[in-house]
Protein backbone atom coordinates (compact mmCIF):
# COMPACT_ATOMS: atom_id res chain seq x y z
CA MET A 1 -70.41 -92.16 -39.40
CA LEU A 2 -72.47 -95.30 -38.67
CA ARG A 3 -76.04 -94.35 -37.88
CA PRO A 4 -77.56 -96.16 -34.88
CA TRP A 5 -80.94 -96.73 -36.54
CA GLU A 6 -82.11 -97.61 -40.03
CA PHE A 7 -83.83 -94.60 -41.60
CA SER A 8 -87.23 -94.84 -43.29
CA LEU A 9 -89.62 -92.29 -44.76
CA SER A 10 -92.96 -91.87 -43.03
CA GLU A 11 -94.79 -92.23 -46.37
CA ASP A 12 -94.68 -95.10 -48.84
CA ILE A 13 -93.07 -94.57 -52.23
CA GLU A 14 -95.25 -96.07 -54.97
CA PRO A 15 -93.67 -96.56 -58.42
CA ARG A 16 -97.16 -96.97 -59.96
CA ARG A 17 -98.22 -93.41 -59.10
CA ASP A 18 -98.29 -90.76 -61.78
CA THR A 19 -95.94 -88.59 -59.71
CA PRO A 20 -92.26 -89.31 -60.49
CA ILE A 21 -90.51 -91.26 -57.76
CA TYR A 22 -87.93 -88.56 -57.07
CA LEU A 23 -90.75 -86.04 -56.43
CA GLN A 24 -92.46 -88.50 -54.08
CA VAL A 25 -89.20 -88.63 -52.12
CA VAL A 26 -88.92 -84.83 -52.18
CA HIS A 27 -92.48 -84.34 -50.92
CA ALA A 28 -92.11 -87.03 -48.25
CA LEU A 29 -88.92 -85.48 -46.88
CA ILE A 30 -90.40 -81.98 -46.85
CA ARG A 31 -93.45 -83.25 -44.93
CA ASP A 32 -91.18 -85.03 -42.41
CA ILE A 33 -89.25 -81.78 -41.88
CA ARG A 34 -92.41 -79.69 -41.54
CA ARG A 35 -93.92 -82.00 -38.94
CA GLY A 36 -90.74 -82.05 -36.88
CA ARG A 37 -89.77 -85.66 -37.51
CA LEU A 38 -86.55 -84.43 -39.12
CA LEU A 39 -85.03 -81.54 -37.20
CA PRO A 40 -82.45 -79.02 -38.44
CA GLY A 41 -79.04 -80.67 -38.35
CA SER A 42 -80.45 -84.22 -38.67
CA ILE A 43 -78.14 -86.34 -40.81
CA LEU A 44 -79.80 -88.19 -43.69
CA PRO A 45 -78.68 -91.56 -45.01
CA SER A 46 -76.41 -91.66 -48.02
CA THR A 47 -78.05 -91.74 -51.43
CA ARG A 48 -77.02 -95.38 -51.88
CA THR A 49 -78.38 -96.43 -48.47
CA LEU A 50 -81.75 -94.72 -48.98
CA ALA A 51 -82.02 -96.05 -52.53
CA ASP A 52 -81.43 -99.61 -51.30
CA ALA A 53 -83.99 -99.14 -48.50
CA LEU A 54 -86.66 -97.87 -50.95
CA GLY A 55 -85.78 -100.29 -53.73
CA VAL A 56 -85.13 -97.55 -56.28
CA ASN A 57 -82.24 -96.43 -58.45
CA ARG A 58 -79.55 -94.42 -56.66
CA LYS A 59 -79.80 -91.66 -59.29
CA THR A 60 -83.40 -91.11 -58.20
CA ILE A 61 -82.27 -90.25 -54.67
CA VAL A 62 -79.40 -88.10 -55.97
CA LEU A 63 -81.95 -86.11 -57.98
CA ALA A 64 -84.26 -85.75 -54.96
CA TYR A 65 -81.43 -84.60 -52.68
CA ASP A 66 -80.18 -82.10 -55.26
CA ASP A 67 -83.71 -80.66 -55.60
CA LEU A 68 -84.05 -80.31 -51.81
CA VAL A 69 -80.64 -78.67 -51.51
CA ALA A 70 -81.60 -76.19 -54.22
CA GLN A 71 -84.84 -75.37 -52.35
CA GLY A 72 -82.95 -74.88 -49.08
CA TRP A 73 -84.44 -77.84 -47.18
CA LEU A 74 -81.19 -79.83 -47.17
CA ALA A 75 -77.51 -78.93 -47.06
CA THR A 76 -74.37 -80.87 -47.82
CA ASN A 77 -70.94 -81.02 -46.31
CA GLY A 78 -68.03 -83.00 -47.60
CA THR A 79 -67.32 -84.67 -44.26
CA ARG A 80 -70.80 -84.75 -42.69
CA GLY A 81 -72.80 -85.83 -45.74
CA THR A 82 -76.35 -84.59 -46.31
CA PHE A 83 -78.39 -83.13 -43.47
CA VAL A 84 -81.46 -81.00 -42.80
CA SER A 85 -80.58 -77.35 -43.29
CA ASP A 86 -80.24 -75.05 -40.28
CA ARG A 87 -81.81 -72.29 -42.40
CA LEU A 88 -85.08 -73.70 -43.73
CA PRO A 89 -86.91 -71.89 -46.55
CA GLU A 90 -90.04 -71.43 -44.39
CA PRO A 91 -90.84 -71.44 -40.67
CA VAL A 92 -91.58 -74.89 -39.32
CA SER A 93 -94.11 -75.50 -36.55
CA LEU A 94 -93.26 -78.55 -34.52
CA ILE A 95 -96.79 -78.58 -33.04
CA PRO A 96 -99.85 -79.14 -35.27
CA THR A 97 -101.97 -75.98 -35.61
CA ASP A 98 -105.72 -75.73 -35.06
CA GLY A 99 -106.32 -74.08 -38.42
CA HIS A 100 -106.34 -70.54 -36.99
CA GLY A 101 -102.63 -70.08 -36.50
CA ALA A 102 -102.65 -71.13 -32.84
CA ASN A 103 -100.45 -73.95 -31.60
CA PRO A 104 -102.30 -75.82 -28.86
CA PRO A 105 -100.43 -78.73 -27.29
CA PRO A 106 -101.45 -82.05 -28.86
CA ARG A 107 -103.88 -84.03 -26.74
CA PRO A 108 -104.67 -87.74 -26.82
CA ASP A 109 -108.04 -88.83 -28.15
CA TYR A 110 -108.49 -91.33 -25.33
CA LEU A 111 -109.27 -90.88 -21.66
CA PHE A 112 -106.60 -91.33 -19.00
CA ARG A 113 -105.97 -90.47 -15.37
CA ALA A 114 -103.34 -87.76 -15.09
CA ALA A 115 -100.73 -88.72 -12.51
CA PRO A 116 -99.82 -85.97 -10.03
CA GLU A 117 -96.46 -84.33 -10.59
CA PRO A 118 -93.97 -85.85 -8.14
CA MET A 119 -92.40 -83.56 -5.54
CA ILE A 120 -88.77 -84.21 -6.41
CA ILE A 121 -85.74 -82.02 -7.07
CA PHE A 122 -82.47 -82.52 -8.90
CA GLN A 123 -79.47 -80.52 -10.05
CA GLU A 124 -80.35 -78.44 -13.09
CA LYS A 125 -77.74 -76.10 -14.55
CA PRO A 126 -77.29 -73.15 -14.51
CA ASN A 127 -79.36 -73.00 -11.32
CA VAL A 128 -77.86 -73.71 -7.92
CA THR A 129 -79.85 -76.44 -6.21
CA PHE A 130 -80.30 -77.43 -2.60
CA ASP A 131 -81.28 -81.08 -2.97
CA ASP A 132 -83.03 -82.96 -0.16
CA GLY A 133 -79.93 -84.82 1.02
CA VAL A 134 -78.12 -86.50 -1.86
CA PRO A 135 -74.58 -87.90 -1.78
CA ASP A 136 -71.79 -86.45 -3.91
CA TYR A 137 -71.32 -88.85 -6.82
CA ARG A 138 -67.86 -87.37 -7.36
CA LEU A 139 -66.56 -89.10 -4.23
CA LEU A 140 -66.93 -92.62 -5.61
CA ARG A 141 -63.82 -93.68 -7.49
CA THR A 142 -64.70 -94.14 -11.16
CA SER A 143 -62.02 -96.79 -11.48
CA ALA A 144 -63.61 -98.84 -8.69
CA LEU A 145 -67.04 -98.66 -10.32
CA THR A 146 -65.57 -99.54 -13.71
CA TYR A 147 -63.76 -102.55 -12.25
CA ALA A 148 -66.92 -103.68 -10.46
CA TYR A 149 -68.97 -103.55 -13.65
CA ARG A 150 -66.28 -105.34 -15.65
CA THR A 151 -66.05 -108.10 -13.04
CA ALA A 152 -69.83 -108.33 -12.86
CA LEU A 153 -70.12 -108.63 -16.64
CA GLN A 154 -67.53 -111.41 -16.74
CA ARG A 155 -69.31 -113.29 -13.96
CA ALA A 156 -72.74 -112.79 -15.49
CA THR A 157 -71.49 -114.12 -18.82
CA ARG A 158 -70.12 -117.27 -17.15
CA VAL A 159 -73.21 -118.09 -15.07
CA GLY A 160 -75.97 -116.95 -17.42
CA GLY A 161 -76.67 -113.82 -15.41
CA LEU A 162 -77.56 -111.77 -18.49
CA SER A 163 -80.75 -113.73 -19.06
CA TYR A 164 -83.99 -113.44 -17.08
CA GLY A 165 -83.69 -114.18 -13.38
CA ASP A 166 -85.48 -114.03 -10.06
CA PRO A 167 -87.71 -110.93 -9.63
CA MET A 168 -86.47 -110.83 -6.02
CA GLY A 169 -83.07 -109.84 -7.37
CA SER A 170 -79.58 -111.24 -7.73
CA MET A 171 -78.88 -114.01 -5.21
CA ASP A 172 -75.33 -112.69 -4.74
CA LEU A 173 -76.54 -109.25 -3.69
CA ARG A 174 -79.41 -110.56 -1.57
CA GLN A 175 -76.99 -112.78 0.34
CA LEU A 176 -74.62 -109.87 0.97
CA ILE A 177 -77.45 -107.53 2.01
CA ALA A 178 -78.78 -110.18 4.41
CA GLU A 179 -75.32 -110.58 5.95
CA MET A 180 -74.84 -106.81 6.24
CA LEU A 181 -78.21 -106.31 7.93
CA SER A 182 -77.57 -109.14 10.36
CA THR A 183 -74.01 -108.09 11.25
CA HIS A 184 -74.33 -104.31 11.36
CA ARG A 185 -78.01 -103.60 12.00
CA GLY A 186 -79.32 -106.60 13.92
CA VAL A 187 -81.96 -107.43 11.32
CA ILE A 188 -81.78 -111.22 11.11
CA GLY A 189 -82.75 -112.90 7.85
CA THR A 190 -81.76 -114.92 4.82
CA PRO A 191 -81.78 -114.05 1.11
CA GLU A 192 -85.41 -115.19 1.10
CA ASN A 193 -86.18 -112.22 3.35
CA ILE A 194 -84.66 -109.73 0.87
CA CYS A 195 -86.07 -108.20 -2.29
CA ILE A 196 -83.89 -105.92 -4.41
CA THR A 197 -85.63 -102.85 -5.83
CA ARG A 198 -84.79 -99.85 -7.97
CA GLY A 199 -84.26 -97.57 -5.00
CA SER A 200 -86.29 -97.06 -1.84
CA GLN A 201 -89.16 -95.34 -3.66
CA MET A 202 -89.95 -98.51 -5.60
CA ALA A 203 -89.87 -100.44 -2.33
CA ILE A 204 -92.39 -98.03 -0.78
CA PHE A 205 -94.63 -98.32 -3.83
CA LEU A 206 -94.52 -102.12 -3.81
CA ALA A 207 -95.32 -102.18 -0.09
CA SER A 208 -98.32 -99.94 -0.67
CA ARG A 209 -99.51 -102.28 -3.44
CA ILE A 210 -99.59 -105.38 -1.24
CA LEU A 211 -100.79 -103.68 1.98
CA LEU A 212 -103.39 -101.14 0.96
CA ALA A 213 -106.83 -101.01 -0.59
CA PRO A 214 -108.95 -97.95 -1.36
CA GLY A 215 -110.18 -96.36 1.85
CA ASP A 216 -107.46 -97.81 4.09
CA THR A 217 -105.70 -95.44 6.47
CA VAL A 218 -101.95 -94.82 6.53
CA LEU A 219 -100.36 -92.69 9.24
CA VAL A 220 -97.20 -90.76 8.42
CA GLU A 221 -95.09 -88.24 10.26
CA GLY A 222 -96.70 -84.79 10.04
CA LEU A 223 -93.73 -83.51 8.06
CA SER A 224 -92.80 -86.33 5.74
CA TYR A 225 -91.47 -87.57 2.42
CA ALA A 226 -93.86 -86.49 -0.33
CA PRO A 227 -93.11 -89.34 -2.81
CA ALA A 228 -94.01 -91.88 -0.10
CA ARG A 229 -97.31 -90.10 0.49
CA ASP A 230 -97.92 -90.13 -3.26
CA ALA A 231 -97.44 -93.91 -3.33
CA PHE A 232 -100.01 -94.42 -0.57
CA VAL A 233 -102.49 -92.09 -2.24
CA ALA A 234 -101.99 -93.92 -5.55
CA ALA A 235 -103.09 -97.10 -3.76
CA GLY A 236 -106.30 -95.31 -2.70
CA ALA A 237 -105.36 -94.84 0.95
CA ASP A 238 -106.30 -91.98 3.25
CA VAL A 239 -103.02 -90.47 4.48
CA ILE A 240 -102.97 -88.67 7.83
CA GLY A 241 -100.09 -86.66 9.28
CA VAL A 242 -99.25 -87.30 12.95
CA ARG A 243 -97.77 -84.66 15.22
CA LEU A 244 -93.97 -84.37 15.45
CA ASP A 245 -91.71 -82.97 18.16
CA SER A 246 -88.01 -83.04 19.03
CA GLU A 247 -88.22 -86.76 19.92
CA GLY A 248 -89.90 -87.86 16.70
CA VAL A 249 -93.44 -88.89 15.93
CA ASP A 250 -96.03 -88.58 18.72
CA VAL A 251 -96.87 -92.20 19.49
CA GLU A 252 -99.77 -91.25 21.74
CA GLU A 253 -101.45 -89.57 18.77
CA VAL A 254 -100.81 -92.71 16.71
CA GLU A 255 -102.78 -94.67 19.31
CA ARG A 256 -105.64 -92.16 19.25
CA TYR A 257 -105.97 -92.53 15.49
CA CYS A 258 -105.83 -96.32 15.80
CA ARG A 259 -108.80 -96.21 18.18
CA GLN A 260 -110.76 -94.03 15.75
CA ARG A 261 -110.20 -95.89 12.49
CA ARG A 262 -108.69 -98.99 10.90
CA VAL A 263 -105.00 -98.17 10.39
CA ARG A 264 -103.25 -100.48 7.95
CA ALA A 265 -99.73 -99.03 8.06
CA VAL A 266 -97.58 -96.44 9.79
CA TYR A 267 -94.73 -95.01 7.72
CA VAL A 268 -91.77 -93.63 9.68
CA THR A 269 -88.18 -92.49 9.09
CA PRO A 270 -86.90 -93.10 12.64
CA HIS A 271 -83.14 -92.93 12.08
CA HIS A 272 -83.00 -89.40 10.66
CA GLN A 273 -86.56 -88.16 10.33
CA PHE A 274 -87.33 -86.75 6.90
CA PRO A 275 -87.24 -83.77 6.69
CA THR A 276 -86.48 -82.60 10.26
CA THR A 277 -83.46 -84.94 10.87
CA VAL A 278 -84.50 -85.78 14.48
CA SER A 279 -84.19 -89.39 15.69
CA LEU A 280 -87.12 -91.32 17.11
CA LYS A 281 -86.35 -92.05 20.78
CA ALA A 282 -85.97 -95.63 21.94
CA ASP A 283 -89.06 -95.64 24.17
CA ARG A 284 -91.23 -94.34 21.35
CA ARG A 285 -89.90 -97.00 19.01
CA SER A 286 -90.81 -99.70 21.49
CA ARG A 287 -94.23 -98.17 22.07
CA LEU A 288 -94.93 -97.96 18.32
CA LEU A 289 -94.08 -101.65 17.85
CA ASP A 290 -96.38 -102.54 20.73
CA LEU A 291 -99.19 -100.61 19.05
CA ALA A 292 -98.49 -102.47 15.79
CA GLY A 293 -99.06 -105.74 17.62
CA ARG A 294 -102.24 -104.52 19.34
CA PHE A 295 -103.90 -102.90 16.33
CA GLY A 296 -102.48 -105.07 13.55
CA PHE A 297 -100.81 -102.47 11.37
CA ALA A 298 -97.49 -102.77 9.53
CA VAL A 299 -94.58 -100.50 10.40
CA LEU A 300 -92.94 -99.23 7.20
CA GLU A 301 -89.46 -98.29 8.37
CA ASP A 302 -87.60 -96.20 5.80
CA ASP A 303 -83.93 -96.22 6.82
CA TYR A 304 -82.73 -94.23 3.84
CA ASP A 305 -79.31 -93.06 5.13
CA HIS A 306 -78.31 -95.34 7.99
CA GLU A 307 -74.58 -95.14 7.24
CA PHE A 308 -74.18 -91.41 7.87
CA HIS A 309 -74.11 -90.78 11.61
CA TYR A 310 -71.54 -88.36 12.99
CA ASP A 311 -71.88 -87.93 16.75
CA SER A 312 -72.70 -91.31 18.32
CA GLN A 313 -73.57 -94.92 17.64
CA PRO A 314 -77.04 -95.03 16.04
CA LEU A 315 -79.91 -97.05 17.46
CA LEU A 316 -80.60 -100.37 15.80
CA PRO A 317 -83.53 -100.39 13.37
CA MET A 318 -86.97 -101.15 14.74
CA ALA A 319 -87.04 -104.19 12.45
CA SER A 320 -84.23 -105.73 14.50
CA TYR A 321 -86.61 -106.00 17.49
CA SER A 322 -89.82 -106.92 15.70
CA PRO A 323 -89.20 -108.19 12.15
CA HIS A 324 -92.65 -109.80 11.89
CA ARG A 325 -94.33 -106.39 12.33
CA SER A 326 -92.00 -104.40 10.09
CA ILE A 327 -91.17 -103.86 6.47
CA TYR A 328 -87.64 -102.49 6.49
CA ILE A 329 -86.59 -100.37 3.52
CA GLY A 330 -83.02 -99.38 2.71
CA SER A 331 -80.95 -98.15 -0.22
CA THR A 332 -77.40 -98.09 -1.51
CA SER A 333 -78.21 -94.89 -3.44
CA LYS A 334 -77.40 -92.61 -0.50
CA LEU A 335 -74.15 -94.47 0.18
CA LEU A 336 -72.85 -94.82 -3.38
CA VAL A 337 -74.49 -92.78 -6.13
CA PRO A 338 -78.21 -92.28 -6.78
CA GLY A 339 -77.82 -93.25 -10.43
CA LEU A 340 -77.17 -96.90 -9.54
CA ARG A 341 -80.80 -97.21 -8.36
CA VAL A 342 -80.38 -100.17 -6.03
CA GLY A 343 -82.57 -100.42 -2.95
CA TYR A 344 -83.82 -103.34 -0.90
CA VAL A 345 -86.58 -104.54 1.39
CA ALA A 346 -86.23 -106.86 4.39
CA ALA A 347 -89.44 -108.51 5.57
CA PRO A 348 -91.03 -111.90 6.27
CA LYS A 349 -90.71 -114.33 3.36
CA GLU A 350 -94.40 -114.19 2.45
CA VAL A 351 -94.25 -110.39 2.21
CA ILE A 352 -91.09 -110.47 0.10
CA LYS A 353 -92.63 -112.98 -2.30
CA SER A 354 -95.72 -110.81 -2.77
CA MET A 355 -93.61 -107.70 -3.37
CA ALA A 356 -91.49 -109.54 -5.93
CA ASN A 357 -94.65 -110.70 -7.70
CA GLU A 358 -95.86 -107.09 -7.88
CA ALA A 359 -92.46 -105.94 -9.14
CA ALA A 360 -92.52 -108.56 -11.90
CA ILE A 361 -95.76 -107.12 -13.27
CA VAL A 362 -94.15 -103.77 -14.11
CA ASP A 363 -90.44 -104.55 -14.36
CA ARG A 364 -90.02 -108.35 -14.62
CA GLN A 365 -86.75 -107.98 -12.75
CA GLY A 366 -84.14 -105.42 -11.80
CA ASN A 367 -80.87 -104.62 -13.51
CA THR A 368 -78.88 -107.79 -12.87
CA LEU A 369 -75.61 -106.34 -14.11
CA THR A 370 -75.83 -103.36 -11.75
CA GLU A 371 -76.85 -105.62 -8.85
CA LEU A 372 -73.80 -107.84 -9.48
CA ALA A 373 -71.59 -104.73 -9.69
CA VAL A 374 -72.85 -103.49 -6.32
CA ALA A 375 -72.25 -106.98 -4.92
CA GLU A 376 -68.68 -106.77 -6.19
CA LEU A 377 -68.21 -103.38 -4.49
CA ILE A 378 -69.33 -104.97 -1.22
CA LYS A 379 -67.25 -108.14 -1.55
CA SER A 380 -64.08 -106.27 -2.51
CA GLY A 381 -64.34 -103.99 0.53
CA GLU A 382 -64.67 -100.93 -1.70
CA LEU A 383 -68.04 -100.07 -0.20
CA ARG A 384 -66.65 -99.94 3.34
CA ARG A 385 -63.64 -97.89 2.25
CA HIS A 386 -65.87 -95.48 0.40
CA ALA A 387 -68.23 -95.17 3.37
CA ARG A 388 -65.39 -94.33 5.78
CA LYS A 389 -63.91 -91.74 3.44
CA ALA A 390 -67.28 -90.19 2.59
CA LEU A 391 -68.31 -89.96 6.24
CA GLN A 392 -65.26 -87.83 7.11
CA ILE A 393 -65.85 -85.56 4.11
CA TYR A 394 -69.54 -85.13 4.92
CA LEU A 395 -68.73 -84.35 8.56
CA LYS A 396 -66.45 -81.48 7.46
CA ARG A 397 -69.05 -80.26 5.00
CA ARG A 398 -71.74 -80.36 7.68
CA ASP A 399 -69.69 -78.21 10.05
CA ALA A 400 -68.72 -75.73 7.32
CA PHE A 401 -72.33 -75.56 6.14
CA ALA A 402 -73.57 -74.79 9.66
CA ALA A 403 -71.02 -71.99 10.03
CA SER A 404 -71.92 -70.50 6.64
CA LEU A 405 -75.65 -70.63 7.41
CA GLN A 406 -75.14 -68.87 10.71
CA ASN A 407 -72.85 -66.22 9.23
CA ALA A 408 -75.17 -65.46 6.33
CA LEU A 409 -78.62 -65.61 7.90
CA GLY A 410 -78.01 -65.36 11.65
CA ASP A 411 -81.16 -64.54 13.62
CA LEU A 412 -83.36 -64.97 10.57
CA ILE A 413 -83.24 -68.76 10.95
CA GLU A 414 -83.28 -71.56 13.52
CA PHE A 415 -81.47 -74.85 13.02
CA SER A 416 -79.42 -77.52 14.71
CA ALA A 417 -76.55 -79.27 12.97
CA PRO A 418 -77.88 -82.78 12.24
CA SER A 419 -76.31 -85.71 14.08
CA GLY A 420 -76.46 -87.66 10.84
CA GLY A 421 -77.64 -87.58 7.27
CA LEU A 422 -76.88 -85.18 4.44
CA ALA A 423 -79.29 -82.29 4.98
CA PHE A 424 -80.24 -79.50 7.40
CA TRP A 425 -83.76 -78.61 8.50
CA VAL A 426 -84.02 -74.84 8.70
CA LYS A 427 -86.95 -73.01 10.35
CA PHE A 428 -87.86 -69.34 10.20
CA PRO A 429 -89.14 -67.48 13.30
CA ASP A 430 -90.61 -64.83 11.00
CA PRO A 431 -92.65 -66.55 8.23
CA SER A 432 -92.28 -63.47 6.02
CA THR A 433 -88.56 -64.26 5.64
CA LEU A 434 -89.40 -67.69 4.28
CA ASP A 435 -92.06 -66.15 2.05
CA ALA A 436 -89.47 -63.73 0.65
CA ILE A 437 -86.96 -66.52 0.00
CA GLU A 438 -89.50 -68.61 -1.87
CA GLU A 439 -90.77 -65.63 -3.85
CA ASN A 440 -87.29 -64.47 -4.90
CA ALA A 441 -85.44 -67.78 -5.26
CA ALA A 442 -85.97 -68.08 -9.01
CA SER A 443 -84.54 -64.60 -9.64
CA GLN A 444 -81.41 -65.74 -7.78
CA GLY A 445 -81.12 -68.95 -9.81
CA LEU A 446 -81.84 -70.97 -6.67
CA ARG A 447 -83.90 -74.16 -6.40
CA PHE A 448 -85.14 -76.17 -3.40
CA LEU A 449 -88.24 -78.09 -2.38
CA PRO A 450 -91.19 -75.84 -1.45
CA SER A 451 -91.54 -75.28 2.29
CA ARG A 452 -95.08 -76.68 2.34
CA SER A 453 -94.25 -79.81 0.34
CA PHE A 454 -93.47 -81.70 3.55
CA GLU A 455 -96.80 -81.03 5.29
CA THR A 456 -99.32 -83.84 5.66
CA PRO A 457 -102.75 -82.64 6.83
CA PRO A 458 -103.97 -82.07 9.40
CA TYR A 459 -100.41 -81.33 10.58
CA GLN A 460 -98.94 -77.99 9.53
CA GLY A 461 -95.36 -76.77 9.61
CA ARG A 462 -92.95 -75.04 7.28
CA GLY A 463 -89.23 -75.04 6.78
CA LEU A 464 -86.52 -75.72 4.21
CA ARG A 465 -84.60 -78.95 3.86
CA LEU A 466 -81.18 -77.97 2.56
CA GLY A 467 -78.90 -80.75 1.39
CA PHE A 468 -75.18 -80.20 1.93
CA GLY A 469 -73.63 -83.57 1.06
CA SER A 470 -73.49 -83.05 -2.70
CA LEU A 471 -71.94 -79.57 -2.41
CA GLU A 472 -68.27 -78.76 -1.99
CA GLN A 473 -67.63 -75.88 0.42
CA SER A 474 -67.37 -73.23 -2.30
CA GLU A 475 -70.57 -74.51 -3.91
CA ALA A 476 -72.38 -74.50 -0.57
CA GLU A 477 -71.24 -70.95 0.20
CA GLU A 478 -72.53 -69.76 -3.17
CA ALA A 479 -75.90 -71.45 -2.60
CA ILE A 480 -76.23 -69.96 0.90
CA TRP A 481 -75.27 -66.52 -0.40
CA ARG A 482 -78.07 -66.75 -2.96
CA LEU A 483 -80.43 -67.79 -0.17
CA TYR A 484 -79.44 -64.67 1.76
CA ARG A 485 -79.93 -62.43 -1.28
CA ALA A 486 -83.43 -63.86 -1.79
CA ALA A 487 -84.27 -63.06 1.84
CA GLU A 488 -82.68 -59.61 1.58
CA MET A 489 -84.83 -58.72 -1.43
CA GLY A 490 -87.91 -59.28 0.70
CA VAL A 491 -86.56 -57.05 3.49
CA LYS A 492 -85.77 -54.25 1.02
CA ARG A 493 -89.23 -54.50 -0.50
CA VAL A 494 -90.91 -54.18 2.92
CA SER A 495 -88.67 -51.19 3.82
CA SER A 496 -89.49 -49.37 0.59
CA MET A 497 -93.21 -49.96 1.11
CA ARG A 498 -93.01 -48.48 4.64
CA ARG A 499 -91.30 -45.34 3.31
C-alpha cells in the first residue's frame, strides 16, 4: 500500500556514535511508540524504504525490525508488512507524566487568550440529536453534486480558476447571487455588492470586524443566535438583548436603548426569528429602518433560511427597502447541505470591499471549486428543482413532527407549528418539566442546545429549539419519544419524593 507521507524518525541516526546503528534505530522507534507518535496498528515503511531514507544498509533495518518484533514492539504480517504491535510489552502513556505517576494535560509555555467554547450542536452517533434547524443532506442528489463539481473543475482548469482569485469570491457565483436577490428578493445590486463567505457565520464575523470597536453597543433579539453574539463579543462590543413578542423584536425598546447609548448595529433574524420562528411584522421592519437612519446604526439582517416558507408568500427582506442601511446575510447551506459552506453578503460596495479585505487576512479567498460547483447547480436549474422537492418534504415532516410532539407531550408543552424554517420553538408552562428534560437527556442518549443558550441579558426566556428538517419521520418519533422519557423521569422522581 502506498503511504501518503514519507516517514522519518524523530531522532537523528549518527553513524559516528559508539552505539551500533541498528540499536539507534531500535531505541528511536521505541521512544516514538512510548510518546504516542507511533500508535498501535501504525504501519511502518518497508526495510528498503527506511534504509534509503536514513542512508544506511538495508540489513541494518532488517536487524532493527527483527529485534523489535522479538521484544513485542512490532509485529509482521505477510500482506500488511510491519506495524506497531497491538499488544505492547509495557503500558504506554500518550500524555507526558509529571514524575509522580499523574498524567496532567500538556499545557503551552506561552500565554494565550482562551476562546469561549461555541454554542453549536451537530449529529453525534450513537446519540439522537435535535439540531437547531439543519437541512437533510440526504435529499440532495449525489449525482447532481458530482456533476456540478466535475463541470466546475473542467471550467476552472480552462480559465485558471484553480489559482488565487478575488477575495470577494467567484465572479460566476456573485453574478448569479446578485441576479437571484434582485429577481426573487428585491435586493438590487451587482456582483460588486456581493461577497462570498464560508457560511453565514463568517459573514457575521466579518461584519463585526469592520463595524465594531471595543465598547460599542450591539442590540440583538432577546432570544438570539449564540454564535452571532460570540462574534460581536469577540470584537469587544457590549451586546444587549431586546424584548421579543409574537410580532418580533420590540422596536420601541430599540429606540429607548438608542437614546441611552451609542448603538453601532442591530442584529435581527426577521424572516424566521431565531430561535422562536416568529416573523417581524412589516410595520416594525419599517420602523427599525427609520431608526437606523435617525441614529446611524447598521441593520445586520440574517436571512438564514429564506427559501423555506410553507403557508404564505414571505415578506421581502428589509435590505430590499433600504440597502444603504443594511448588511444582508444569506447562505446556501440551509438550502443545499451545510458541508458546502457557501454563504454571502449583500451590501454597499464600500462595505463589501472592506469585508473582503478582512476575509483575505485570515483566508485569502474561499473555495473557488466549491463556489463554481454551486454556480453550476444554480445555472443548471438543479437548485430550483431541489428547493421545490425539499420544501414539500419538509412541509410533511413539519406536520408529522407537530402531531408527534402533541401526542407525546401534550399539556406539558406549548408550541405553534412554524410557518417556515426547519425547527420548532417549544415552551414549557411548568419550568420543572424543562429542568427534568435537561437533567435526564444524556441518560436517554438525547442532545439539543441548552434552553438558556438563547438568552441575551437583560432579557430572559427559556425553551427548546427542536430541528425537524434533518430527521425522517421514524427518526423524529424516536427523538420525541426520548424527550418524553426524559420528562417522565423527572415526574417519577418528584412522585417518589412526595411518597
